[in-house]
Protein backbone atom coordinates (compact mmCIF):
# COMPACT_ATOMS: atom_id res chain seq x y z
CA MET A 1 -5.02 -2.93 23.77
CA SER A 2 -8.13 -1.06 23.45
CA GLY A 3 -10.11 -1.04 26.57
CA SER A 4 -7.80 -3.43 28.49
CA TYR A 5 -5.27 -1.59 30.83
CA PRO A 6 -2.85 -3.11 33.30
CA VAL A 7 -4.14 -2.48 37.02
CA VAL A 8 -1.44 -1.46 39.58
CA ASP A 9 -1.72 -1.66 43.45
CA GLU A 10 -3.41 1.69 44.41
CA THR A 11 -0.83 1.94 47.69
CA ALA A 12 2.07 1.61 45.59
CA GLY A 13 4.44 4.62 45.76
CA GLY A 14 2.26 7.16 47.48
CA GLY A 15 -1.06 6.28 45.54
CA TRP A 16 -1.82 6.61 42.20
CA LEU A 17 -3.96 9.70 42.60
CA GLN A 18 -1.08 11.67 43.94
CA GLN A 19 1.42 10.62 41.39
CA LEU A 20 -1.22 11.22 38.57
CA ALA A 21 -1.86 14.79 39.81
CA ALA A 22 1.97 15.23 39.81
CA ALA A 23 2.40 13.81 36.43
CA CYS A 24 -0.39 16.02 34.91
CA ARG A 25 1.36 19.09 36.28
CA GLY A 26 4.63 17.73 34.37
CA GLU A 27 6.46 16.51 37.37
CA GLY A 28 8.80 13.49 36.60
CA LEU A 29 7.48 13.84 33.06
CA SER A 30 9.82 13.89 30.04
CA SER A 31 10.08 12.79 26.51
CA ALA A 32 12.58 10.64 24.68
CA TYR A 33 13.01 11.46 20.93
CA GLN A 34 13.25 8.38 18.79
CA PRO A 35 14.80 8.96 15.38
CA ILE A 36 12.89 8.15 12.20
CA VAL A 37 15.47 7.15 9.48
CA ASP A 38 14.94 7.42 5.59
CA THR A 39 16.63 4.21 4.90
CA ALA A 40 17.17 4.89 1.22
CA ARG A 41 19.22 7.99 2.26
CA GLY A 42 20.43 6.73 5.40
CA THR A 43 19.40 10.26 6.99
CA ILE A 44 17.29 11.22 10.09
CA VAL A 45 14.02 12.84 8.69
CA GLY A 46 12.15 13.13 11.88
CA TYR A 47 11.76 11.91 15.58
CA GLU A 48 8.78 10.59 17.54
CA ALA A 49 8.39 11.67 20.99
CA LEU A 50 7.70 9.31 23.51
CA MET A 51 6.50 9.49 27.16
CA ARG A 52 8.72 8.85 29.84
CA LEU A 53 8.22 8.89 33.58
CA GLY A 54 10.67 9.20 36.50
CA TYR A 55 8.55 7.29 38.84
CA PRO A 56 8.79 3.55 40.29
CA GLU A 57 6.29 2.45 37.64
CA ARG A 58 7.63 3.66 34.40
CA ASN A 59 5.55 1.84 31.80
CA PRO A 60 3.52 4.60 29.79
CA GLU A 61 0.88 1.96 29.12
CA VAL A 62 0.15 1.43 32.83
CA TRP A 63 0.16 5.33 33.37
CA LEU A 64 -2.28 5.96 30.56
CA GLY A 65 -4.66 3.23 31.93
CA GLN A 66 -4.76 4.49 35.23
CA ALA A 67 -5.11 8.13 34.08
CA ARG A 68 -8.46 6.68 32.23
CA ARG A 69 -9.32 4.88 35.35
CA HIS A 70 -9.29 8.16 37.36
CA GLY A 71 -10.45 10.35 34.96
CA VAL A 72 -7.32 12.35 34.10
CA ALA A 73 -6.32 10.90 30.84
CA ALA A 74 -6.63 14.18 28.73
CA ASP A 75 -4.61 16.01 31.45
CA LEU A 76 -1.77 13.47 31.56
CA GLU A 77 -1.77 13.39 27.43
CA ALA A 78 -1.83 17.20 27.34
CA ALA A 79 1.12 17.35 29.87
CA SER A 80 3.20 14.85 27.82
CA LEU A 81 2.31 16.77 24.68
CA ARG A 82 3.67 19.89 26.26
CA ARG A 83 6.72 18.23 27.24
CA ALA A 84 7.19 16.69 23.70
CA LEU A 85 6.69 20.25 21.96
CA GLU A 86 8.85 22.12 24.34
CA ALA A 87 12.26 20.51 22.73
CA ARG A 88 10.87 20.80 19.22
CA PRO A 89 13.02 24.24 18.73
CA HIS A 90 16.24 21.98 19.62
CA LEU A 91 15.38 19.44 17.24
CA PRO A 92 17.20 19.77 13.67
CA SER A 93 14.98 22.24 11.49
CA ASN A 94 14.85 19.90 8.47
CA THR A 95 13.17 17.05 10.52
CA PHE A 96 9.46 16.44 11.74
CA LEU A 97 8.25 15.47 15.12
CA THR A 98 5.60 12.96 15.66
CA VAL A 99 3.43 13.26 18.80
CA ASN A 100 0.99 10.54 20.03
CA VAL A 101 -2.72 11.38 21.01
CA SER A 102 -5.59 9.06 21.78
CA PRO A 103 -8.42 9.91 18.85
CA ASP A 104 -11.07 9.99 21.99
CA LEU A 105 -8.95 12.73 23.73
CA LEU A 106 -8.11 14.98 20.80
CA ALA A 107 -10.96 17.13 21.13
CA THR A 108 -11.21 17.59 25.00
CA PRO A 109 -10.34 21.08 26.41
CA ALA A 110 -7.23 20.05 27.83
CA VAL A 111 -5.50 18.69 24.76
CA ARG A 112 -7.09 21.47 22.57
CA ASP A 113 -5.57 24.26 25.05
CA VAL A 114 -1.90 22.59 23.99
CA TRP A 115 -2.42 23.44 20.35
CA ASP A 116 -3.89 26.80 20.96
CA GLY A 117 -2.16 30.06 21.11
CA GLU A 118 1.44 31.04 19.79
CA ARG A 119 3.45 29.08 22.41
CA TRP A 120 4.51 26.60 20.02
CA ASP A 121 5.59 26.46 16.42
CA LEU A 122 3.78 23.71 15.09
CA ALA A 123 5.35 23.65 11.69
CA GLY A 124 6.58 19.99 11.09
CA VAL A 125 4.37 18.43 13.92
CA VAL A 126 2.66 15.35 13.09
CA VAL A 127 -0.04 14.11 15.30
CA GLU A 128 -0.25 10.32 15.31
CA LEU A 129 -3.65 8.62 16.84
CA THR A 130 -2.79 6.01 19.13
CA GLU A 131 -4.65 2.64 19.32
CA GLN A 132 -5.72 3.11 22.96
CA THR A 133 -9.28 3.09 21.89
CA ALA A 134 -10.98 1.49 18.96
CA ILE A 135 -11.05 3.65 15.64
CA ILE A 136 -10.73 2.76 12.01
CA LYS A 137 -7.01 3.74 11.41
CA LEU A 138 -5.64 2.75 7.93
CA ASP A 139 -2.28 0.99 7.83
CA ARG A 140 0.36 2.77 6.51
CA GLY A 141 1.27 -0.01 3.72
CA LEU A 142 -2.38 0.54 2.57
CA VAL A 143 -1.99 4.26 1.82
CA GLN A 144 1.58 4.45 0.66
CA ASP A 145 1.93 5.50 -2.95
CA LEU A 146 -1.76 5.84 -3.00
CA ASP A 147 -1.60 8.49 -5.66
CA ARG A 148 0.14 5.88 -7.78
CA ASP A 149 -2.22 2.76 -7.10
CA GLU A 150 -5.63 2.95 -8.71
CA ALA A 151 -6.66 -0.10 -6.73
CA LYS A 152 -5.46 1.08 -3.30
CA PHE A 153 -7.23 4.67 -3.97
CA ALA A 154 -10.27 2.71 -4.65
CA LEU A 155 -9.99 0.42 -1.70
CA VAL A 156 -9.46 3.61 0.76
CA GLU A 157 -12.21 5.37 -1.08
CA MET A 158 -14.59 2.48 -0.02
CA ILE A 159 -13.48 2.35 3.34
CA GLY A 160 -13.97 6.20 3.73
CA THR A 161 -17.68 5.78 2.42
CA PHE A 162 -18.21 2.97 4.72
CA ALA A 163 -16.79 4.74 7.67
CA ASP A 164 -19.02 7.68 6.77
CA ARG A 165 -21.99 5.54 6.54
CA ILE A 166 -21.39 3.92 9.89
CA ASP A 167 -20.74 7.35 11.41
CA ALA A 168 -17.28 6.35 12.35
């Protein structure tokens, strides 16, 4: 999906600028928590926080595309992260929480401010890099059991060396 975002009529629902500004303040923004199950044990081991929007347009991909188009992507992702982290104390303590962040926005002041301070207990929080922008991201199947598979280890090491050489 890298670089291609759906375009929505600017005049729909009061205009994107107004709706984006409200969502960046957290208005109409919530999270749904999708359980992550250990199928071997049949237990919930974690949750993935998913952005939800209480507007006529509900598709997060459309919203993220419009936020990029209007220069407020970091603000929208930061607001979504705050919503996701607000519920962390209410999730079972023996579970983890994954939150999604675009790799190019991870170091922006808006997103960095979410992690700073003592407002959140970040224990058990896993940051998952989205595929909104082009990055080198290794498939889970490639890194699973890496410590027990010398061929996988050598391949991942080679990819790391390559990524370093091309400054990726």
